[in-house]
PDB file of N, CA and C in Angstrom:
ATOM      1  N   MET A   1      63.032 -74.668  29.403  1.00  0.00           N
ATOM      2  CA  MET A   1      61.816 -75.228  29.949  1.00  0.00           C
ATOM      3  C   MET A   1      61.862 -76.747  29.773  1.00  0.00           C
ATOM      4  N   ASN A   2      61.602 -77.453  30.852  1.00  0.00           N
ATOM      5  CA  ASN A   2      61.577 -78.913  30.753  1.00  0.00           C
ATOM      6  C   ASN A   2      60.161 -79.392  30.390  1.00  0.00           C
ATOM      7  N   VAL A   3      60.008 -80.666  30.187  1.00  0.00           N
ATOM      8  CA  VAL A   3      58.729 -81.230  29.746  1.00  0.00           C
ATOM      9  C   VAL A   3      57.632 -80.989  30.781  1.00  0.00           C
ATOM     10  N   ASP A   4      57.938 -81.164  32.056  1.00  0.00           N
ATOM     11  CA  ASP A   4      56.927 -80.948  33.093  1.00  0.00           C
ATOM     12  C   ASP A   4      56.418 -79.512  33.082  1.00  0.00           C
ATOM     13  N   GLU A   5      57.326 -78.548  32.936  1.00  0.00           N
ATOM     14  CA  GLU A   5      56.923 -77.142  32.859  1.00  0.00           C
ATOM     15  C   GLU A   5      56.065 -76.893  31.624  1.00  0.00           C
ATOM     16  N   TYR A   6      56.439 -77.490  30.508  1.00  0.00           N
ATOM     17  CA  TYR A   6      55.688 -77.356  29.263  1.00  0.00           C
ATOM     18  C   TYR A   6      54.257 -77.868  29.442  1.00  0.00           C
ATOM     19  N   ILE A   7      54.115 -79.016  30.070  1.00  0.00           N
ATOM     20  CA  ILE A   7      52.796 -79.615  30.301  1.00  0.00           C
ATOM     21  C   ILE A   7      51.963 -78.730  31.227  1.00  0.00           C
ATOM     22  N   LEU A   8      52.549 -78.298  32.334  1.00  0.00           N
ATOM     23  CA  LEU A   8      51.817 -77.466  33.286  1.00  0.00           C
ATOM     24  C   LEU A   8      51.411 -76.136  32.662  1.00  0.00           C
ATOM     25  N   ASN A   9      52.267 -75.546  31.836  1.00  0.00           N
ATOM     26  CA  ASN A   9      51.911 -74.309  31.137  1.00  0.00           C
ATOM     27  C   ASN A   9      50.772 -74.536  30.162  1.00  0.00           C
ATOM     28  N   ALA A  10      50.775 -75.654  29.463  1.00  0.00           N
ATOM     29  CA  ALA A  10      49.692 -75.966  28.529  1.00  0.00           C
ATOM     30  C   ALA A  10      48.372 -76.090  29.277  1.00  0.00           C
ATOM     31  N   ILE A  11      48.390 -76.737  30.429  1.00  0.00           N
ATOM     32  CA  ILE A  11      47.175 -76.880  31.235  1.00  0.00           C
ATOM     33  C   ILE A  11      46.719 -75.507  31.719  1.00  0.00           C
ATOM     34  N   LYS A  12      47.655 -74.724  32.236  1.00  0.00           N
ATOM     35  CA  LYS A  12      47.338 -73.387  32.744  1.00  0.00           C
ATOM     36  C   LYS A  12      46.741 -72.497  31.656  1.00  0.00           C
ATOM     37  N   ASN A  13      47.218 -72.640  30.435  1.00  0.00           N
ATOM     38  CA  ASN A  13      46.753 -71.801  29.331  1.00  0.00           C
ATOM     39  C   ASN A  13      45.403 -72.234  28.777  1.00  0.00           C
ATOM     40  N   ASN A  14      44.934 -73.413  29.144  1.00  0.00           N
ATOM     41  CA  ASN A  14      43.696 -73.933  28.570  1.00  0.00           C
ATOM     42  C   ASN A  14      42.561 -74.142  29.570  1.00  0.00           C
ATOM     43  N   LEU A  15      42.872 -74.204  30.843  1.00  0.00           N
ATOM     44  CA  LEU A  15      41.847 -74.430  31.856  1.00  0.00           C
ATOM     45  C   LEU A  15      41.869 -73.301  32.879  1.00  0.00           C
ATOM     46  N   THR A  16      40.700 -72.965  33.404  1.00  0.00           N
ATOM     47  CA  THR A  16      40.637 -71.967  34.465  1.00  0.00           C
ATOM     48  C   THR A  16      41.123 -72.596  35.771  1.00  0.00           C
ATOM     49  N   ASP A  17      41.409 -71.764  36.750  1.00  0.00           N
ATOM     50  CA  ASP A  17      41.817 -72.273  38.067  1.00  0.00           C
ATOM     51  C   ASP A  17      40.723 -73.146  38.676  1.00  0.00           C
ATOM     52  N   THR A  18      39.468 -72.749  38.474  1.00  0.00           N
ATOM     53  CA  THR A  18      38.342 -73.531  38.985  1.00  0.00           C
ATOM     54  C   THR A  18      38.283 -74.899  38.322  1.00  0.00           C
ATOM     55  N   GLU A  19      38.471 -74.943  37.005  1.00  0.00           N
ATOM     56  CA  GLU A  19      38.466 -76.218  36.291  1.00  0.00           C
ATOM     57  C   GLU A  19      39.598 -77.117  36.760  1.00  0.00           C
ATOM     58  N   VAL A  20      40.766 -76.539  36.959  1.00  0.00           N
ATOM     59  CA  VAL A  20      41.905 -77.328  37.439  1.00  0.00           C
ATOM     60  C   VAL A  20      41.590 -77.892  38.826  1.00  0.00           C
ATOM     61  N   HIS A  21      41.055 -77.051  39.697  1.00  0.00           N
ATOM     62  CA  HIS A  21      40.724 -77.509  41.055  1.00  0.00           C
ATOM     63  C   HIS A  21      39.705 -78.647  41.008  1.00  0.00           C
ATOM     64  N   GLU A  22      38.645 -78.487  40.233  1.00  0.00           N
ATOM     65  CA  GLU A  22      37.626 -79.540  40.099  1.00  0.00           C
ATOM     66  C   GLU A  22      38.228 -80.821  39.531  1.00  0.00           C
ATOM     67  N   TRP A  23      39.066 -80.660  38.521  1.00  0.00           N
ATOM     68  CA  TRP A  23      39.699 -81.798  37.865  1.00  0.00           C
ATOM     69  C   TRP A  23      40.534 -82.595  38.851  1.00  0.00           C
ATOM     70  N   ILE A  24      41.349 -81.889  39.617  1.00  0.00           N
ATOM     71  CA  ILE A  24      42.282 -82.544  40.540  1.00  0.00           C
ATOM     72  C   ILE A  24      41.548 -83.160  41.724  1.00  0.00           C
ATOM     73  N   THR A  25      40.516 -82.485  42.218  1.00  0.00           N
ATOM     74  CA  THR A  25      39.842 -82.990  43.415  1.00  0.00           C
ATOM     75  C   THR A  25      38.769 -84.027  43.117  1.00  0.00           C
ATOM     76  N   ASN A  26      38.117 -83.941  41.957  1.00  0.00           N
ATOM     77  CA  ASN A  26      36.978 -84.823  41.688  1.00  0.00           C
ATOM     78  C   ASN A  26      37.095 -85.628  40.404  1.00  0.00           C
ATOM     79  N   GLY A  27      38.096 -85.352  39.602  1.00  0.00           N
ATOM     80  CA  GLY A  27      38.129 -85.941  38.273  1.00  0.00           C
ATOM     81  C   GLY A  27      39.140 -87.052  38.088  1.00  0.00           C
ATOM     82  N   ASN A  28      39.220 -87.462  36.835  1.00  0.00           N
ATOM     83  CA  ASN A  28      40.190 -88.468  36.394  1.00  0.00           C
ATOM     84  C   ASN A  28      41.121 -87.811  35.385  1.00  0.00           C
ATOM     85  N   ALA A  29      42.250 -88.409  35.162  1.00  0.00           N
ATOM     86  CA  ALA A  29      43.241 -87.837  34.241  1.00  0.00           C
ATOM     87  C   ALA A  29      42.668 -87.615  32.845  1.00  0.00           C
ATOM     88  N   ASP A  30      41.762 -88.469  32.406  1.00  0.00           N
ATOM     89  CA  ASP A  30      41.220 -88.371  31.047  1.00  0.00           C
ATOM     90  C   ASP A  30      40.145 -87.303  30.873  1.00  0.00           C
ATOM     91  N   ASP A  31      39.669 -86.721  31.940  1.00  0.00           N
ATOM     92  CA  ASP A  31      38.514 -85.834  31.862  1.00  0.00           C
ATOM     93  C   ASP A  31      38.707 -84.607  30.973  1.00  0.00           C
ATOM     94  N   TYR A  32      39.895 -84.041  30.920  1.00  0.00           N
ATOM     95  CA  TYR A  32      40.099 -82.795  30.183  1.00  0.00           C
ATOM     96  C   TYR A  32      41.097 -82.902  29.038  1.00  0.00           C
ATOM     97  N   PHE A  33      41.505 -84.104  28.671  1.00  0.00           N
ATOM     98  CA  PHE A  33      42.566 -84.206  27.658  1.00  0.00           C
ATOM     99  C   PHE A  33      42.191 -83.524  26.349  1.00  0.00           C
ATOM    100  N   TYR A  34      40.931 -83.543  25.987  1.00  0.00           N
ATOM    101  CA  TYR A  34      40.465 -82.956  24.733  1.00  0.00           C
ATOM    102  C   TYR A  34      40.432 -81.425  24.771  1.00  0.00           C
ATOM    103  N   ARG A  35      40.649 -80.815  25.931  1.00  0.00           N
ATOM    104  CA  ARG A  35      40.612 -79.359  26.081  1.00  0.00           C
ATOM    105  C   ARG A  35      41.990 -78.720  26.169  1.00  0.00           C
ATOM    106  N   ILE A  36      43.036 -79.526  26.189  1.00  0.00           N
ATOM    107  CA  ILE A  36      44.372 -78.966  26.394  1.00  0.00           C
ATOM    108  C   ILE A  36      45.124 -78.971  25.074  1.00  0.00           C
ATOM    109  N   PHE A  37      45.228 -77.776  24.500  1.00  0.00           N
ATOM    110  CA  PHE A  37      45.866 -77.590  23.201  1.00  0.00           C
ATOM    111  C   PHE A  37      47.227 -76.936  23.365  1.00  0.00           C
ATOM    112  N   VAL A  38      48.106 -77.223  22.436  1.00  0.00           N
ATOM    113  CA  VAL A  38      49.405 -76.564  22.352  1.00  0.00           C
ATOM    114  C   VAL A  38      49.580 -76.052  20.924  1.00  0.00           C
ATOM    115  N   ASP A  39      50.493 -75.125  20.761  1.00  0.00           N
ATOM    116  CA  ASP A  39      50.792 -74.574  19.441  1.00  0.00           C
ATOM    117  C   ASP A  39      51.869 -75.447  18.796  1.00  0.00           C
ATOM    118  N   TYR A  40      51.545 -76.025  17.677  1.00  0.00           N
ATOM    119  CA  TYR A  40      52.504 -76.861  16.946  1.00  0.00           C
ATOM    120  C   TYR A  40      52.749 -76.227  15.590  1.00  0.00           C
ATOM    121  N   HIS A  41      53.806 -75.447  15.483  1.00  0.00           N
ATOM    122  CA  HIS A  41      54.153 -74.742  14.252  1.00  0.00           C
ATOM    123  C   HIS A  41      52.991 -73.906  13.747  1.00  0.00           C
ATOM    124  N   GLY A  42      52.344 -73.187  14.669  1.00  0.00           N
ATOM    125  CA  GLY A  42      51.250 -72.303  14.310  1.00  0.00           C
ATOM    126  C   GLY A  42      49.885 -72.963  14.238  1.00  0.00           C
ATOM    127  N   LEU A  43      49.817 -74.232  14.447  1.00  0.00           N
ATOM    128  CA  LEU A  43      48.540 -74.949  14.402  1.00  0.00           C
ATOM    129  C   LEU A  43      48.198 -75.500  15.781  1.00  0.00           C
ATOM    130  N   PRO A  44      46.915 -75.444  16.173  1.00  0.00           N
ATOM    131  CA  PRO A  44      46.547 -76.022  17.467  1.00  0.00           C
ATOM    132  C   PRO A  44      46.580 -77.546  17.408  1.00  0.00           C
ATOM    133  N   MET A  45      47.111 -78.136  18.454  1.00  0.00           N
ATOM    134  CA  MET A  45      47.202 -79.587  18.526  1.00  0.00           C
ATOM    135  C   MET A  45      46.823 -80.004  19.945  1.00  0.00           C
ATOM    136  N   ILE A  46      45.968 -81.013  20.064  1.00  0.00           N
ATOM    137  CA  ILE A  46      45.622 -81.521  21.385  1.00  0.00           C
ATOM    138  C   ILE A  46      46.856 -82.185  21.986  1.00  0.00           C
ATOM    139  N   LEU A  47      47.139 -81.834  23.235  1.00  0.00           N
ATOM    140  CA  LEU A  47      48.273 -82.435  23.932  1.00  0.00           C
ATOM    141  C   LEU A  47      48.037 -83.933  24.088  1.00  0.00           C
ATOM    142  N   GLU A  48      49.024 -84.704  23.794  1.00  0.00           N
ATOM    143  CA  GLU A  48      48.924 -86.167  23.835  1.00  0.00           C
ATOM    144  C   GLU A  48      48.465 -86.629  25.223  1.00  0.00           C
ATOM    145  N   ASN A  49      47.616 -87.635  25.254  1.00  0.00           N
ATOM    146  CA  ASN A  49      46.958 -88.056  26.485  1.00  0.00           C
ATOM    147  C   ASN A  49      47.933 -88.486  27.584  1.00  0.00           C
ATOM    148  N   THR A  50      49.034 -89.124  27.257  1.00  0.00           N
ATOM    149  CA  THR A  50      49.984 -89.516  28.311  1.00  0.00           C
ATOM    150  C   THR A  50      50.618 -88.280  28.946  1.00  0.00           C
ATOM    151  N   LEU A  51      50.775 -87.210  28.178  1.00  0.00           N
ATOM    152  CA  LEU A  51      51.315 -85.969  28.743  1.00  0.00           C
ATOM    153  C   LEU A  51      50.285 -85.293  29.641  1.00  0.00           C
ATOM    154  N   VAL A  52      49.013 -85.362  29.252  1.00  0.00           N
ATOM    155  CA  VAL A  52      47.954 -84.829  30.100  1.00  0.00           C
ATOM    156  C   VAL A  52      47.902 -85.611  31.414  1.00  0.00           C
ATOM    157  N   THR A  53      48.043 -86.919  31.330  1.00  0.00           N
ATOM    158  CA  THR A  53      48.060 -87.751  32.538  1.00  0.00           C
ATOM    159  C   THR A  53      49.232 -87.358  33.426  1.00  0.00           C
ATOM    160  N   ARG A  54      50.377 -87.103  32.827  1.00  0.00           N
ATOM    161  CA  ARG A  54      51.549 -86.654  33.606  1.00  0.00           C
ATOM    162  C   ARG A  54      51.247 -85.331  34.290  1.00  0.00           C
ATOM    163  N   GLY A  55      50.620 -84.408  33.576  1.00  0.00           N
ATOM    164  CA  GLY A  55      50.248 -83.121  34.162  1.00  0.00           C
ATOM    165  C   GLY A  55      49.273 -83.289  35.317  1.00  0.00           C
ATOM    166  N   PHE A  56      48.312 -84.186  35.156  1.00  0.00           N
ATOM    167  CA  PHE A  56      47.345 -84.480  36.211  1.00  0.00           C
ATOM    168  C   PHE A  56      48.069 -84.972  37.464  1.00  0.00           C
ATOM    169  N   GLU A  57      49.013 -85.880  37.283  1.00  0.00           N
ATOM    170  CA  GLU A  57      49.777 -86.406  38.411  1.00  0.00           C
ATOM    171  C   GLU A  57      50.616 -85.315  39.074  1.00  0.00           C
ATOM    172  N   LEU A  58      51.230 -84.459  38.268  1.00  0.00           N
ATOM    173  CA  LEU A  58      52.017 -83.353  38.819  1.00  0.00           C
ATOM    174  C   LEU A  58      51.135 -82.418  39.633  1.00  0.00           C
ATOM    175  N   LEU A  59      49.973 -82.080  39.084  1.00  0.00           N
ATOM    176  CA  LEU A  59      49.061 -81.173  39.785  1.00  0.00           C
ATOM    177  C   LEU A  59      48.526 -81.799  41.064  1.00  0.00           C
ATOM    178  N   LYS A  60      48.213 -83.063  41.043  1.00  0.00           N
ATOM    179  CA  LYS A  60      47.752 -83.742  42.264  1.00  0.00           C
ATOM    180  C   LYS A  60      48.831 -83.656  43.352  1.00  0.00           C
ATOM    181  N   GLY A  61      50.098 -83.820  42.933  1.00  0.00           N
ATOM    182  CA  GLY A  61      51.198 -83.694  43.884  1.00  0.00           C
ATOM    183  C   GLY A  61      51.324 -82.300  44.436  1.00  0.00           C
ATOM    184  N   LEU A  62      51.141 -81.298  43.591  1.00  0.00           N
ATOM    185  CA  LEU A  62      51.222 -79.914  44.034  1.00  0.00           C
ATOM    186  C   LEU A  62      50.061 -79.571  44.972  1.00  0.00           C
ATOM    187  N   TYR A  63      48.870 -80.017  44.629  1.00  0.00           N
ATOM    188  CA  TYR A  63      47.707 -79.739  45.468  1.00  0.00           C
ATOM    189  C   TYR A  63      47.791 -80.443  46.809  1.00  0.00           C
ATOM    190  N   SER A  64      48.386 -81.617  46.859  1.00  0.00           N
ATOM    191  CA  SER A  64      48.473 -82.344  48.123  1.00  0.00           C
ATOM    192  C   SER A  64      49.444 -81.672  49.087  1.00  0.00           C
ATOM    193  N   LYS A  65      50.367 -80.874  48.555  1.00  0.00           N
ATOM    194  CA  LYS A  65      51.333 -80.165  49.412  1.00  0.00           C
ATOM    195  C   LYS A  65      50.734 -78.908  50.022  1.00  0.00           C
ATOM    196  N   GLU A  66      49.617 -78.426  49.457  1.00  0.00           N
ATOM    197  CA  GLU A  66      48.994 -77.194  49.976  1.00  0.00           C
ATOM    198  C   GLU A  66      48.143 -77.452  51.178  1.00  0.00           C
TER     199      GLU A  66
END
């Protein structure tokens, strides 16, 4: 799994499809950073904000192709 896949999986595991759609169509990259957690050696950790921004950009690209 590469970093982009890791980020997208973290977003998918923490936000509903509706939240992702709202985020991508009406939001900013910073809107959901506090809601995206990953497992770090058994402990929840908020995904670093630059990675959330990368995920936002990836999702915007995916949504624009649909």
